Amino acid sequence: MAAYSATKLFILFSLCFNFSFTVCHGRTIPSLPVRAVNLGGWLVTEGWIKPSLFDGIPNIDFLDGTQLQFKSVTIGKYLSAETGGGTILVVNRTSASGWETFRIWRINETSFNFRVFNKQFVGLDNAGNGIDIVAVENTPGASETFEIVRNPNDSNQVRIKASNGLFLQAKTEELVSADYEVNGGWRDDDPSVFLMTIGTRLQGDYQITNGYGPIKAPQIMKEHYDTYIVENDFEFISKNGLDAVRIPVGWWIASDPMPPKPYVGGSLKALDNAFQWARKYGIKVILDLHAAPGSQNGFEHSSSRDGFVEWGQTDDSIKETVDVIDFLTARYAKNPSLFAVQLINEPLASGVSLETITKFYRAGYDAVRKHTQTAYVVLSDRLGSGNVKELFPLASELSRPVVDVHYYNLFSSIFDNLTVEQNIEYVYNNRTRELNDILTANDAPLILIGEWVVEWQVRDATKEDYQRYAKAQLEVFGRATFGWAYWTLKHYLFNTSETFGIVSNPDDSNRVQIKASNEFFLQAKTQEVVSALILKEMVNGGDDDPSDFLMTIGTKLRGDHQLTNGCGPTKAPQTNNEDRLDSDNFKELFPLASGVSGSAVDVRYYVFCSLFNNFTAEQNVEYFYNNRTR
């Protein structure tokens, strides 16, 4: 689940693995504990792992789950769902929080629903005068459909067009209605104009498939499934001291090749390939249901549509999830690589009660045991419960149970200012204590550390720092009785942290923004500090924009490298570049020429040098007779 940035993380981690575990290669590795790696970002999408997957989505600022806030330019206060929803919309809040945040449901590139804090949808008051704006419906329809119209000169200024063809206007602090006809312009006294702030975004499977739509999404996802994880990855894993993979999958895989919209088919075929490769290279598979219907934690990696936890609210969602477990286990039970089935990943404690998860775990366990008596059944602890041992009584009733816990020195303010040494000490002291507490419990089942990373909040850490941090975790987590699985095998930051994009101002090609690999823009904070922390929606291109730079183009090279790399692999072979500027020391070729019959060395003389800039005609002639002769 981790979303973080790192440079050369993969190389560092590989060094640690090769140092620690290559002694196992060439002999049979014991079944337990496993030494696994997650195949994250493959069959369950997470935008941070491969951001380029999302680059082609039209109107990408408005994906499902994007949180928006609107401030009236005339009243100077925020649009708000009164009491969080269930009644009218008002414009009377001086600051924005939950009630002032609207979550997008994307219908198409230009049409949207807005969901509020209490999960109702914004719409026209059809029970009243038909133009007042309320948030009362639990299911969106035509009256709950809107368009967002942006100011072409300032994308942060917007109007909201209702289904009646008119625009929302803030008449007073207590009255918002859809009865404004735009007469042109974006004046500060226009009650239909709002300043929009884009907040939290989600980039999961729902966003990518619904964003591209039914025509393009299948093409994008097929390419991703076919190329992101391939057979060579399994060969690499088998040769580098690992013996297992944890493969996250989404619930829609059970309906492949025609899953419910907006999802697309293809992930099941990819999973079939993974099991074949695992069998070929002797790799064990932990099959992990990472995304359950309705989302068990509200995060993008559980394919949440809008950040709300909907899973487990009804018996139907539990039954649907059990059916997915039944389908997957039945399909792979006879494959010797199936080592464990994880029933769900990271259910959120605040949205999923212990009673609900226990009920599901019992039913999911029974579904697995219908098809195999040997596969381990993995139970994920509830994220945020603070009590891993709450699952131990249930586990003690089951055969071959495993409890999964995840350890990150991230996602909490306590790690924000820790140094390298303090992070390493935290692993040796705190993580050891936490692990001992659960391993030594009387009814402790097998324990899997299903996710951990060599990442932290430390800036400017060295390669050696990363290696020592990895070594500490390998030593401590190596005591987990079922084993561990590193998160994750691949992500885009392996080799792109030094890669940037140049975004030119369409009205002035000399003005540019520089986009870093973390998807943020460079900003000049001070004369001594330049950072990549400006979001796209914060870029305005004005004279007060710290991400705006004036670009000067200096010397250009136009040689073979520039020609072939510039034209690319398709066009470059069609070009013909015969001229070449060679070394100043042409005598370096004499030894070679002396051994080749009939050979000649070609040299060329030009006056393309600053030395000649101010020569007269006579001086050029003299230079030829004297210097060139010599």
Foldseek 3Di string as FASTA:
>chain_A
DDQDFDELQLVLVLVLLQVPFLVCAPHDDDQPQFEAFAAPCFQKHACSQPVVLQVPFALLLQFFQWKKWWAFLAVRFTWFAVVFFQWAIFGDHNDDDQRRIWTWDDPANFKTWTAGNVQFTWFAPPVPPRWWIHGRHNDDDQRRMWGWAADPQARQKTWIAGSVRFTWFRPDRGTITRDHDDPDDDDSNGRRIIGMDTDDDADIQQRSLRRRDQPCSVVSSQVRLDPVDDLVVLVVQLSRRGAEYEYEHELQQLVPCDGPPSGHHDSVVSVVRVLVSCLVSRHAYAYEHEAFVQGQQQHRSNVHRHSDRDALPDVVSLVSLLVSLLSVLQVCVPRVRHAAYESYEARACVRAPPVSLLVSLVSNLVSNVVRDDHHAYEYEAHPPPPPQCVCLVVVLVDDRYEYEDEDECDDDPVQQPDELVRLLVCLQPVVLVVVCVQVPDPRRHQYEHEEYGLDGNYPPDDSVSSSSSSVSNCVRQVPRTNGYYYPHNGGPSHPFQVPWDWAADPVDRQKTWIAGPSQFTWFCPDPVDIDRDHHPSNDNQDPPGRRIDGHDDDDDDDDLVCQDVVLDPPCSVVDDDDDDDDDPPQCVCVVVQVVDPPDDGDDDDDDPDPVCVPDDPVRVVVCCVPVVVD
